[in-house]
C-alpha atoms as a PDB file:
ATOM      1  CA  UNK A   1      46.903 -33.988 -28.588  1.00  0.00           C
ATOM      2  CA  UNK A   2      47.099 -31.170 -26.002  1.00  0.00           C
ATOM      3  CA  UNK A   3      50.876 -31.142 -26.309  1.00  0.00           C
ATOM      4  CA  UNK A   4      50.665 -30.764 -30.092  1.00  0.00           C
ATOM      5  CA  UNK A   5      48.092 -28.019 -29.671  1.00  0.00           C
ATOM      6  CA  UNK A   6      50.334 -26.076 -27.289  1.00  0.00           C
ATOM      7  CA  UNK A   7      53.298 -26.594 -29.583  1.00  0.00           C
ATOM      8  CA  UNK A   8      51.291 -25.301 -32.552  1.00  0.00           C
ATOM      9  CA  UNK A   9      50.186 -22.237 -30.592  1.00  0.00           C
ATOM     10  CA  UNK A  10      53.794 -21.588 -29.615  1.00  0.00           C
ATOM     11  CA  UNK A  11      54.957 -21.804 -33.221  1.00  0.00           C
ATOM     12  CA  UNK A  12      52.146 -19.513 -34.344  1.00  0.00           C
ATOM     13  CA  UNK A  13      53.220 -16.881 -31.851  1.00  0.00           C
ATOM     14  CA  UNK A  14      56.894 -17.354 -32.618  1.00  0.00           C
ATOM     15  CA  UNK A  15      56.308 -16.589 -36.282  1.00  0.00           C
ATOM     16  CA  UNK A  16      53.609 -14.000 -35.495  1.00  0.00           C
ATOM     17  CA  UNK A  17      50.831 -15.829 -37.313  1.00  0.00           C
ATOM     18  CA  UNK A  18      48.143 -13.477 -35.876  1.00  0.00           C
ATOM     19  CA  UNK A  19      49.854 -10.478 -37.460  1.00  0.00           C
ATOM     20  CA  UNK A  20      50.282 -12.234 -40.803  1.00  0.00           C
ATOM     21  CA  UNK A  21      46.593 -13.137 -40.707  1.00  0.00           C
ATOM     22  CA  UNK A  22      45.793  -9.509 -39.943  1.00  0.00           C
ATOM     23  CA  UNK A  23      47.822  -8.284 -42.939  1.00  0.00           C
ATOM     24  CA  UNK A  24      46.102 -10.691 -45.345  1.00  0.00           C
ATOM     25  CA  UNK A  25      42.660  -9.953 -43.849  1.00  0.00           C
ATOM     26  CA  UNK A  26      43.033  -6.186 -44.246  1.00  0.00           C
ATOM     27  CA  UNK A  27      44.372  -6.215 -47.786  1.00  0.00           C
ATOM     28  CA  UNK A  28      42.067  -9.047 -48.845  1.00  0.00           C
ATOM     29  CA  UNK A  29      39.067  -7.320 -47.293  1.00  0.00           C
ATOM     30  CA  UNK A  30      39.955  -4.033 -48.964  1.00  0.00           C
ATOM     31  CA  UNK A  31      40.346  -5.659 -52.380  1.00  0.00           C
ATOM     32  CA  UNK A  32      37.053  -7.525 -52.002  1.00  0.00           C
ATOM     33  CA  UNK A  33      35.117  -4.494 -50.749  1.00  0.00           C
ATOM     34  CA  UNK A  34      36.373  -2.150 -53.439  1.00  0.00           C
ATOM     35  CA  UNK A  35      35.741  -4.722 -56.171  1.00  0.00           C
ATOM     36  CA  UNK A  36      32.208  -5.513 -54.997  1.00  0.00           C
ATOM     37  CA  UNK A  37      31.225  -2.073 -53.714  1.00  0.00           C
ATOM     38  CA  UNK A  38      28.606  -1.581 -56.435  1.00  0.00           C
ATOM     39  CA  UNK A  39      26.728  -4.680 -55.227  1.00  0.00           C
ATOM     40  CA  UNK A  40      26.461  -3.355 -51.656  1.00  0.00           C
ATOM     41  CA  UNK A  41      24.259  -0.598 -50.193  1.00  0.00           C
ATOM     42  CA  UNK A  42      25.904   2.634 -49.104  1.00  0.00           C
ATOM     43  CA  UNK A  43      25.100   1.942 -45.445  1.00  0.00           C
ATOM     44  CA  UNK A  44      27.274  -1.186 -45.662  1.00  0.00           C
ATOM     45  CA  UNK A  45      30.137   0.249 -47.709  1.00  0.00           C
ATOM     46  CA  UNK A  46      30.667   3.238 -45.409  1.00  0.00           C
ATOM     47  CA  UNK A  47      31.258   1.398 -42.101  1.00  0.00           C
ATOM     48  CA  UNK A  48      33.233  -1.394 -43.770  1.00  0.00           C
ATOM     49  CA  UNK A  49      35.388   1.071 -45.693  1.00  0.00           C
ATOM     50  CA  UNK A  50      35.985   3.164 -42.581  1.00  0.00           C
ATOM     51  CA  UNK A  51      36.888   0.078 -40.546  1.00  0.00           C
ATOM     52  CA  UNK A  52      39.350  -1.272 -43.121  1.00  0.00           C
ATOM     53  CA  UNK A  53      41.013   2.108 -43.595  1.00  0.00           C
ATOM     54  CA  UNK A  54      41.430   2.638 -39.859  1.00  0.00           C
ATOM     55  CA  UNK A  55      42.512  -0.970 -39.376  1.00  0.00           C
ATOM     56  CA  UNK A  56      45.175  -0.450 -42.024  1.00  0.00           C
ATOM     57  CA  UNK A  57      46.568   2.520 -40.090  1.00  0.00           C
ATOM     58  CA  UNK A  58      46.544   0.452 -36.899  1.00  0.00           C
ATOM     59  CA  UNK A  59      48.393  -2.275 -38.805  1.00  0.00           C
ATOM     60  CA  UNK A  60      50.994   0.232 -40.008  1.00  0.00           C
ATOM     61  CA  UNK A  61      51.562   1.217 -36.392  1.00  0.00           C
ATOM     62  CA  UNK A  62      52.089  -2.434 -35.478  1.00  0.00           C
ATOM     63  CA  UNK A  63      54.506  -3.047 -38.336  1.00  0.00           C
ATOM     64  CA  UNK A  64      56.700  -0.034 -37.615  1.00  0.00           C
ATOM     65  CA  UNK A  65      57.266  -1.451 -34.119  1.00  0.00           C
ATOM     66  CA  UNK A  66      58.976  -4.518 -35.545  1.00  0.00           C
ATOM     67  CA  UNK A  67      56.229  -6.958 -36.482  1.00  0.00           C
ATOM     68  CA  UNK A  68      55.678  -9.470 -37.973  1.00  0.00           C
ATOM     69  CA  UNK A  69      59.334  -9.896 -39.031  1.00  0.00           C
ATOM     70  CA  UNK A  70      62.656  -8.694 -37.715  1.00  0.00           C
ATOM     71  CA  UNK A  71      63.332  -6.864 -40.984  1.00  0.00           C
ATOM     72  CA  UNK A  72      62.362  -3.196 -41.196  1.00  0.00           C
ATOM     73  CA  UNK A  73      62.496  -3.490 -44.983  1.00  0.00           C
ATOM     74  CA  UNK A  74      60.003  -6.359 -45.161  1.00  0.00           C
ATOM     75  CA  UNK A  75      57.729  -4.751 -42.593  1.00  0.00           C
ATOM     76  CA  UNK A  76      57.942  -1.519 -44.589  1.00  0.00           C
ATOM     77  CA  UNK A  77      56.897  -3.287 -47.793  1.00  0.00           C
ATOM     78  CA  UNK A  78      53.913  -4.777 -46.003  1.00  0.00           C
ATOM     79  CA  UNK A  79      52.882  -1.409 -44.542  1.00  0.00           C
ATOM     80  CA  UNK A  80      53.552   0.852 -47.529  1.00  0.00           C
ATOM     81  CA  UNK A  81      50.527   0.396 -49.859  1.00  0.00           C
ATOM     82  CA  UNK A  82      48.836   3.809 -49.338  1.00  0.00           C
ATOM     83  CA  UNK A  83      45.203   2.793 -49.300  1.00  0.00           C
ATOM     84  CA  UNK A  84      44.527   5.880 -47.164  1.00  0.00           C
ATOM     85  CA  UNK A  85      46.222   8.016 -49.847  1.00  0.00           C
ATOM     86  CA  UNK A  86      47.435  10.918 -47.716  1.00  0.00           C
ATOM     87  CA  UNK A  87      50.147   9.544 -45.387  1.00  0.00           C
ATOM     88  CA  UNK A  88      53.516   8.220 -46.647  1.00  0.00           C
ATOM     89  CA  UNK A  89      54.521   5.320 -44.407  1.00  0.00           C
ATOM     90  CA  UNK A  90      58.248   6.269 -44.074  1.00  0.00           C
ATOM     91  CA  UNK A  91      57.331   9.725 -42.776  1.00  0.00           C
ATOM     92  CA  UNK A  92      54.742   8.287 -40.397  1.00  0.00           C
ATOM     93  CA  UNK A  93      57.307   5.792 -39.089  1.00  0.00           C
ATOM     94  CA  UNK A  94      59.948   8.469 -38.504  1.00  0.00           C
ATOM     95  CA  UNK A  95      57.503  10.782 -36.734  1.00  0.00           C
ATOM     96  CA  UNK A  96      56.061   8.031 -34.580  1.00  0.00           C
ATOM     97  CA  UNK A  97      59.516   6.946 -33.426  1.00  0.00           C
ATOM     98  CA  UNK A  98      60.120  10.549 -32.332  1.00  0.00           C
ATOM     99  CA  UNK A  99      56.806  10.448 -30.487  1.00  0.00           C
ATOM    100  CA  UNK A 100      58.090   7.507 -28.430  1.00  0.00           C
ATOM    101  CA  UNK A 101      60.702   9.663 -26.700  1.00  0.00           C
ATOM    102  CA  UNK A 102      58.581   9.730 -23.570  1.00  0.00           C
ATOM    103  CA  UNK A 103      60.521  12.583 -21.963  1.00  0.00           C
ATOM    104  CA  UNK A 104      59.107  14.855 -24.707  1.00  0.00           C
ATOM    105  CA  UNK A 105      55.535  13.531 -24.821  1.00  0.00           C
ATOM    106  CA  UNK A 106      52.994  16.278 -25.639  1.00  0.00           C
ATOM    107  CA  UNK A 107      55.747  18.915 -26.134  1.00  0.00           C
ATOM    108  CA  UNK A 108      54.586  21.080 -29.092  1.00  0.00           C
ATOM    109  CA  UNK A 109      58.167  21.459 -30.327  1.00  0.00           C
ATOM    110  CA  UNK A 110      59.372  17.895 -29.857  1.00  0.00           C
ATOM    111  CA  UNK A 111      56.406  15.517 -30.131  1.00  0.00           C
ATOM    112  CA  UNK A 112      55.132  15.244 -33.741  1.00  0.00           C
ATOM    113  CA  UNK A 113      51.866  13.698 -32.529  1.00  0.00           C
ATOM    114  CA  UNK A 114      51.008  16.234 -29.861  1.00  0.00           C
ATOM    115  CA  UNK A 115      47.568  17.823 -29.879  1.00  0.00           C
ATOM    116  CA  UNK A 116      48.822  20.866 -27.947  1.00  0.00           C
ATOM    117  CA  UNK A 117      49.816  24.237 -29.386  1.00  0.00           C
ATOM    118  CA  UNK A 118      52.949  26.086 -28.360  1.00  0.00           C
ATOM    119  CA  UNK A 119      52.410  29.385 -26.577  1.00  0.00           C
ATOM    120  CA  UNK A 120      53.841  31.280 -29.561  1.00  0.00           C
ATOM    121  CA  UNK A 121      51.574  29.435 -31.998  1.00  0.00           C
ATOM    122  CA  UNK A 122      48.575  30.173 -29.790  1.00  0.00           C
ATOM    123  CA  UNK A 123      49.429  33.896 -29.614  1.00  0.00           C
ATOM    124  CA  UNK A 124      49.706  34.131 -33.402  1.00  0.00           C
ATOM    125  CA  UNK A 125      46.559  32.085 -34.089  1.00  0.00           C
ATOM    126  CA  UNK A 126      43.402  33.943 -34.993  1.00  0.00           C
ATOM    127  CA  UNK A 127      40.075  33.374 -33.299  1.00  0.00           C
ATOM    128  CA  UNK A 128      38.924  30.926 -35.992  1.00  0.00           C
ATOM    129  CA  UNK A 129      42.120  28.880 -35.648  1.00  0.00           C
ATOM    130  CA  UNK A 130      41.781  28.803 -31.851  1.00  0.00           C
ATOM    131  CA  UNK A 131      38.170  27.719 -32.159  1.00  0.00           C
ATOM    132  CA  UNK A 132      39.096  24.934 -34.584  1.00  0.00           C
ATOM    133  CA  UNK A 133      41.873  23.761 -32.271  1.00  0.00           C
ATOM    134  CA  UNK A 134      39.481  23.562 -29.327  1.00  0.00           C
ATOM    135  CA  UNK A 135      36.727  21.966 -31.416  1.00  0.00           C
ATOM    136  CA  UNK A 136      39.072  19.220 -32.621  1.00  0.00           C
ATOM    137  CA  UNK A 137      39.835  18.367 -29.014  1.00  0.00           C
ATOM    138  CA  UNK A 138      36.200  17.370 -28.515  1.00  0.00           C
ATOM    139  CA  UNK A 139      34.947  14.000 -29.709  1.00  0.00           C
ATOM    140  CA  UNK A 140      32.384  15.536 -32.067  1.00  0.00           C
ATOM    141  CA  UNK A 141      34.839  17.976 -33.598  1.00  0.00           C
ATOM    142  CA  UNK A 142      37.506  15.333 -33.905  1.00  0.00           C
ATOM    143  CA  UNK A 143      35.236  13.005 -35.863  1.00  0.00           C
ATOM    144  CA  UNK A 144      33.687  15.665 -38.106  1.00  0.00           C
ATOM    145  CA  UNK A 145      36.464  18.222 -38.621  1.00  0.00           C
ATOM    146  CA  UNK A 146      39.544  16.400 -37.384  1.00  0.00           C
ATOM    147  CA  UNK A 147      40.449  14.476 -40.549  1.00  0.00           C
ATOM    148  CA  UNK A 148      40.378  17.586 -42.768  1.00  0.00           C
ATOM    149  CA  UNK A 149      42.441  19.553 -40.258  1.00  0.00           C
ATOM    150  CA  UNK A 150      44.914  16.726 -39.680  1.00  0.00           C
ATOM    151  CA  UNK A 151      45.511  15.996 -43.354  1.00  0.00           C
ATOM    152  CA  UNK A 152      45.807  19.675 -44.321  1.00  0.00           C
ATOM    153  CA  UNK A 153      48.197  20.424 -41.447  1.00  0.00           C
ATOM    154  CA  UNK A 154      50.322  17.390 -42.293  1.00  0.00           C
ATOM    155  CA  UNK A 155      50.601  18.348 -45.974  1.00  0.00           C
ATOM    156  CA  UNK A 156      51.394  22.001 -45.187  1.00  0.00           C
ATOM    157  CA  UNK A 157      54.080  20.974 -42.716  1.00  0.00           C
ATOM    158  CA  UNK A 158      55.632  18.492 -45.144  1.00  0.00           C
ATOM    159  CA  UNK A 159      55.666  21.110 -47.909  1.00  0.00           C
ATOM    160  CA  UNK A 160      58.336  22.859 -45.848  1.00  0.00           C
ATOM    161  CA  UNK A 161      60.641  19.808 -46.095  1.00  0.00           C
ATOM    162  CA  UNK A 162      61.573  19.398 -49.771  1.00  0.00           C
ATOM    163  CA  UNK A 163      64.469  17.098 -48.795  1.00  0.00           C
ATOM    164  CA  UNK A 164      61.913  14.289 -48.538  1.00  0.00           C
ATOM    165  CA  UNK A 165      60.896  14.561 -52.190  1.00  0.00           C
ATOM    166  CA  UNK A 166      62.054  10.990 -52.901  1.00  0.00           C
ATOM    167  CA  UNK A 167      59.662   9.657 -50.275  1.00  0.00           C
ATOM    168  CA  UNK A 168      56.840  11.658 -51.822  1.00  0.00           C
ATOM    169  CA  UNK A 169      57.682  10.433 -55.322  1.00  0.00           C
ATOM    170  CA  UNK A 170      57.506   6.819 -54.138  1.00  0.00           C
ATOM    171  CA  UNK A 171      54.285   7.628 -52.299  1.00  0.00           C
ATOM    172  CA  UNK A 172      52.797   9.223 -55.419  1.00  0.00           C
ATOM    173  CA  UNK A 173      53.585   6.060 -57.374  1.00  0.00           C
ATOM    174  CA  UNK A 174      51.820   4.004 -54.705  1.00  0.00           C
ATOM    175  CA  UNK A 175      48.810   6.320 -54.750  1.00  0.00           C
ATOM    176  CA  UNK A 176      48.706   5.958 -58.521  1.00  0.00           C
ATOM    177  CA  UNK A 177      48.524   2.175 -58.170  1.00  0.00           C
ATOM    178  CA  UNK A 178      45.786   2.408 -55.523  1.00  0.00           C
ATOM    179  CA  UNK A 179      43.698   4.823 -57.594  1.00  0.00           C
ATOM    180  CA  UNK A 180      44.330   2.735 -60.696  1.00  0.00           C
ATOM    181  CA  UNK A 181      42.641  -0.169 -58.915  1.00  0.00           C
ATOM    182  CA  UNK A 182      39.944   1.893 -57.183  1.00  0.00           C
ATOM    183  CA  UNK A 183      38.974   4.145 -60.089  1.00  0.00           C
ATOM    184  CA  UNK A 184      40.176   2.263 -63.135  1.00  0.00           C
ATOM    185  CA  UNK A 185      39.264  -1.324 -62.268  1.00  0.00           C
ATOM    186  CA  UNK A 186      36.543  -0.947 -59.632  1.00  0.00           C
ATOM    187  CA  UNK A 187      34.984   2.202 -61.143  1.00  0.00           C
ATOM    188  CA  UNK A 188      34.700   4.012 -57.816  1.00  0.00           C
ATOM    189  CA  UNK A 189      34.489   7.785 -58.028  1.00  0.00           C
ATOM    190  CA  UNK A 190      37.516   9.192 -56.125  1.00  0.00           C
ATOM    191  CA  UNK A 191      35.221  11.449 -54.081  1.00  0.00           C
ATOM    192  CA  UNK A 192      33.159   8.431 -53.037  1.00  0.00           C
ATOM    193  CA  UNK A 193      36.349   6.595 -52.074  1.00  0.00           C
ATOM    194  CA  UNK A 194      37.471   9.575 -49.999  1.00  0.00           C
ATOM    195  CA  UNK A 195      34.035   9.838 -48.350  1.00  0.00           C
ATOM    196  CA  UNK A 196      33.586   6.114 -47.603  1.00  0.00           C
ATOM    197  CA  UNK A 197      37.150   5.013 -46.892  1.00  0.00           C
ATOM    198  CA  UNK A 198      39.722   7.753 -46.338  1.00  0.00           C
ATOM    199  CA  UNK A 199      37.878  10.399 -44.301  1.00  0.00           C
ATOM    200  CA  UNK A 200      35.952   8.151 -41.887  1.00  0.00           C
ATOM    201  CA  UNK A 201      38.972   5.871 -41.456  1.00  0.00           C
ATOM    202  CA  UNK A 202      41.070   8.830 -40.362  1.00  0.00           C
ATOM    203  CA  UNK A 203      38.242   9.942 -38.042  1.00  0.00           C
ATOM    204  CA  UNK A 204      38.263   6.580 -36.252  1.00  0.00           C
ATOM    205  CA  UNK A 205      42.018   6.793 -35.681  1.00  0.00           C
ATOM    206  CA  UNK A 206      41.600  10.307 -34.305  1.00  0.00           C
ATOM    207  CA  UNK A 207      39.019   8.940 -31.869  1.00  0.00           C
ATOM    208  CA  UNK A 208      41.740   6.698 -30.473  1.00  0.00           C
ATOM    209  CA  UNK A 209      44.301   9.472 -30.126  1.00  0.00           C
ATOM    210  CA  UNK A 210      41.858  11.757 -28.278  1.00  0.00           C
ATOM    211  CA  UNK A 211      42.344   9.671 -25.139  1.00  0.00           C
ATOM    212  CA  UNK A 212      46.028   8.739 -25.369  1.00  0.00           C
ATOM    213  CA  UNK A 213      48.037  11.564 -23.809  1.00  0.00           C
ATOM    214  CA  UNK A 214      47.593  14.455 -21.420  1.00  0.00           C
ATOM    215  CA  UNK A 215      49.966  17.182 -20.244  1.00  0.00           C
ATOM    216  CA  UNK A 216      51.612  16.382 -16.915  1.00  0.00           C
ATOM    217  CA  UNK A 217      54.801  17.373 -15.134  1.00  0.00           C
ATOM    218  CA  UNK A 218      56.135  13.798 -14.936  1.00  0.00           C
ATOM    219  CA  UNK A 219      56.615  11.916 -18.234  1.00  0.00           C
ATOM    220  CA  UNK A 220      55.136   8.745 -16.739  1.00  0.00           C
ATOM    221  CA  UNK A 221      51.887  10.580 -16.016  1.00  0.00           C
ATOM    222  CA  UNK A 222      51.340  11.759 -19.597  1.00  0.00           C
ATOM    223  CA  UNK A 223      49.965   8.525 -21.068  1.00  0.00           C
ATOM    224  CA  UNK A 224      46.369   7.364 -20.667  1.00  0.00           C
ATOM    225  CA  UNK A 225      44.672   3.999 -20.845  1.00  0.00           C
ATOM    226  CA  UNK A 226      41.190   2.934 -21.918  1.00  0.00           C
ATOM    227  CA  UNK A 227      40.810  -0.333 -20.048  1.00  0.00           C
ATOM    228  CA  UNK A 228      37.900  -1.874 -21.930  1.00  0.00           C
ATOM    229  CA  UNK A 229      38.204  -1.135 -25.628  1.00  0.00           C
ATOM    230  CA  UNK A 230      35.432  -3.488 -26.767  1.00  0.00           C
ATOM    231  CA  UNK A 231      35.266  -3.893 -30.546  1.00  0.00           C
ATOM    232  CA  UNK A 232      37.247  -0.660 -30.872  1.00  0.00           C
ATOM    233  CA  UNK A 233      40.064  -2.380 -29.019  1.00  0.00           C
ATOM    234  CA  UNK A 234      40.358  -4.823 -31.907  1.00  0.00           C
ATOM    235  CA  UNK A 235      40.182  -1.984 -34.430  1.00  0.00           C
ATOM    236  CA  UNK A 236      43.010  -0.201 -32.625  1.00  0.00           C
ATOM    237  CA  UNK A 237      44.912  -3.492 -32.070  1.00  0.00           C
ATOM    238  CA  UNK A 238      44.578  -2.963 -28.327  1.00  0.00           C
ATOM    239  CA  UNK A 239      46.563   0.257 -28.456  1.00  0.00           C
ATOM    240  CA  UNK A 240      43.896   1.564 -26.091  1.00  0.00           C
ATOM    241  CA  UNK A 241      46.133  -0.030 -23.417  1.00  0.00           C
ATOM    242  CA  UNK A 242      48.472   2.822 -24.201  1.00  0.00           C
ATOM    243  CA  UNK A 243      50.391   2.923 -20.929  1.00  0.00           C
ATOM    244  CA  UNK A 244      51.625  -0.604 -21.534  1.00  0.00           C
ATOM    245  CA  UNK A 245      52.430   0.155 -25.169  1.00  0.00           C
ATOM    246  CA  UNK A 246      54.667   3.081 -24.196  1.00  0.00           C
ATOM    247  CA  UNK A 247      56.254   1.016 -21.448  1.00  0.00           C
ATOM    248  CA  UNK A 248      57.038  -1.890 -23.787  1.00  0.00           C
ATOM    249  CA  UNK A 249      56.394  -0.849 -27.420  1.00  0.00           C
ATOM    250  CA  UNK A 250      57.700  -4.145 -28.792  1.00  0.00           C
ATOM    251  CA  UNK A 251      54.844  -6.252 -27.391  1.00  0.00           C
ATOM    252  CA  UNK A 252      52.777  -7.638 -30.309  1.00  0.00           C
ATOM    253  CA  UNK A 253      49.178  -6.486 -30.442  1.00  0.00           C
ATOM    254  CA  UNK A 254      47.620  -9.854 -29.616  1.00  0.00           C
ATOM    255  CA  UNK A 255      49.573 -10.139 -26.355  1.00  0.00           C
ATOM    256  CA  UNK A 256      48.686  -6.702 -24.998  1.00  0.00           C
ATOM    257  CA  UNK A 257      45.438  -7.715 -23.183  1.00  0.00           C
ATOM    258  CA  UNK A 258      47.050 -10.592 -21.251  1.00  0.00           C
ATOM    259  CA  UNK A 259      50.172  -8.554 -20.487  1.00  0.00           C
ATOM    260  CA  UNK A 260      47.959  -5.706 -19.261  1.00  0.00           C
ATOM    261  CA  UNK A 261      46.155  -7.992 -16.832  1.00  0.00           C
ATOM    262  CA  UNK A 262      49.516  -9.099 -15.442  1.00  0.00           C
ATOM    263  CA  UNK A 263      51.060  -5.638 -15.171  1.00  0.00           C
ATOM    264  CA  UNK A 264      47.995  -3.511 -14.435  1.00  0.00           C
ATOM    265  CA  UNK A 265      48.433  -2.983 -10.696  1.00  0.00           C
ATOM    266  CA  UNK A 266      52.109  -2.172 -11.020  1.00  0.00           C
ATOM    267  CA  UNK A 267      51.631   0.249 -13.907  1.00  0.00           C
ATOM    268  CA  UNK A 268      48.700   2.093 -12.363  1.00  0.00           C
ATOM    269  CA  UNK A 269      50.407   2.149  -8.979  1.00  0.00           C
ATOM    270  CA  UNK A 270      53.349   4.147 -10.293  1.00  0.00           C
ATOM    271  CA  UNK A 271      51.545   6.412 -12.762  1.00  0.00           C
ATOM    272  CA  UNK A 272      48.823   9.031 -12.447  1.00  0.00           C
ATOM    273  CA  UNK A 273      47.827   9.326 -16.090  1.00  0.00           C
ATOM    274  CA  UNK A 274      44.149   9.322 -17.063  1.00  0.00           C
ATOM    275  CA  UNK A 275      42.335   5.992 -16.754  1.00  0.00           C
ATOM    276  CA  UNK A 276      39.096   5.622 -18.716  1.00  0.00           C
ATOM    277  CA  UNK A 277      36.773   2.664 -18.280  1.00  0.00           C
ATOM    278  CA  UNK A 278      35.773   2.524 -21.953  1.00  0.00           C
ATOM    279  CA  UNK A 279      35.385   4.675 -25.043  1.00  0.00           C
ATOM    280  CA  UNK A 280      31.858   5.389 -23.854  1.00  0.00           C
ATOM    281  CA  UNK A 281      33.496   6.956 -20.807  1.00  0.00           C
ATOM    282  CA  UNK A 282      35.661   9.059 -23.140  1.00  0.00           C
ATOM    283  CA  UNK A 283      32.569  10.087 -25.110  1.00  0.00           C
ATOM    284  CA  UNK A 284      30.693  11.125 -21.970  1.00  0.00           C
ATOM    285  CA  UNK A 285      33.546  13.378 -20.885  1.00  0.00           C
ATOM    286  CA  UNK A 286      34.582  14.935 -24.175  1.00  0.00           C
ATOM    287  CA  UNK A 287      31.668  14.655 -26.600  1.00  0.00           C
ATOM    288  CA  UNK A 288      31.262  18.449 -26.655  1.00  0.00           C
ATOM    289  CA  UNK A 289      33.851  19.634 -24.135  1.00  0.00           C
ATOM    290  CA  UNK A 290      37.545  19.941 -25.146  1.00  0.00           C
ATOM    291  CA  UNK A 291      39.954  17.487 -23.586  1.00  0.00           C
ATOM    292  CA  UNK A 292      42.204  20.537 -23.398  1.00  0.00           C
ATOM    293  CA  UNK A 293      42.222  24.012 -24.868  1.00  0.00           C
ATOM    294  CA  UNK A 294      44.723  26.813 -25.163  1.00  0.00           C
ATOM    295  CA  UNK A 295      48.515  26.514 -25.297  1.00  0.00           C
ATOM    296  CA  UNK A 296      50.450  23.735 -23.591  1.00  0.00           C
ATOM    297  CA  UNK A 297      50.333  24.400 -19.822  1.00  0.00           C
ATOM    298  CA  UNK A 298      54.056  23.628 -19.459  1.00  0.00           C
ATOM    299  CA  UNK A 299      55.084  25.857 -22.337  1.00  0.00           C
ATOM    300  CA  UNK A 300      57.383  24.165 -24.829  1.00  0.00           C
ATOM    301  CA  UNK A 301      60.696  22.490 -24.171  1.00  0.00           C
ATOM    302  CA  UNK A 302      59.336  22.086 -20.642  1.00  0.00           C
ATOM    303  CA  UNK A 303      61.769  24.676 -19.346  1.00  0.00           C
ATOM    304  CA  UNK A 304      59.281  26.270 -16.963  1.00  0.00           C
ATOM    305  CA  UNK A 305      59.436  24.302 -13.672  1.00  0.00           C
ATOM    306  CA  UNK A 306      57.157  26.719 -11.735  1.00  0.00           C
ATOM    307  CA  UNK A 307      54.318  25.897 -14.124  1.00  0.00           C
ATOM    308  CA  UNK A 308      54.604  22.201 -13.278  1.00  0.00           C
ATOM    309  CA  UNK A 309      53.432  22.870  -9.764  1.00  0.00           C
ATOM    310  CA  UNK A 310      50.423  24.754 -11.144  1.00  0.00           C
ATOM    311  CA  UNK A 311      49.412  21.978 -13.514  1.00  0.00           C
ATOM    312  CA  UNK A 312      46.479  19.895 -12.209  1.00  0.00           C
ATOM    313  CA  UNK A 313      47.091  16.144 -11.904  1.00  0.00           C
ATOM    314  CA  UNK A 314      46.619  14.279 -15.174  1.00  0.00           C
ATOM    315  CA  UNK A 315      43.153  12.826 -15.496  1.00  0.00           C
ATOM    316  CA  UNK A 316      41.300  15.620 -13.711  1.00  0.00           C
ATOM    317  CA  UNK A 317      38.502  17.243 -15.621  1.00  0.00           C
END
């Protein structure tokens, strides 16, 4: 019996059963919640909608890294339904793959997911823009203002790239299908859907990214780890163990905790990136104080070696 059990577990992992279960749980949960939303109180719809929306974005991140199949096309089909409305999956995938060039992590000119400004951008920014930038690098600002800023900045940046109009046309068709279900079948006001699903879901994902990277002279010191993610670890598919993810991005989400326990001493022994005990630790540090403010301390392109010596070790406050 034990042998059959071990064999079954091996087959489940070989065919990535946990990820398939995740895909069906997220889409099934979203369909059920949107269909039955009128029978639930607002205080239940909001956290469930936020969780499913954020979980969907975590799932998209997992799928773009080659799970649960070896086919990018199949994984793309699974990830593409735009239940969060604002982010076309092909563009997210392309930008995230650029982000994984660790030599350029946090570079304002090279890393699409950086939270740092270039020195030129900072000089040209007005006082309100600088304040918003600093506010969105606090936990409170990130949760309250971050989604609006992130979505607006993404759309404005993409408006400068008309060559991707085919991607946006396909995305618009997907959004039409989602809103057809949400508004036409389930009779949810689009503003309520944005308030209960889209905005808070984006806020939760921005909570994760607040504690992922920090400017440092060495690329291996730029990635952080939150060792005990708790229930947020499941929401983020254990991407809180971000050092390990950047070291081996192909590890499936359900193996990250055990792999972290095996590799922890080696990874932390060779890297000086920030190490947080939990997201409560992150909240205590950055609830109202910016994780960073001002332009990137290494400039952009990282062509200023003298500044590297001036940069404090990653993880200092």
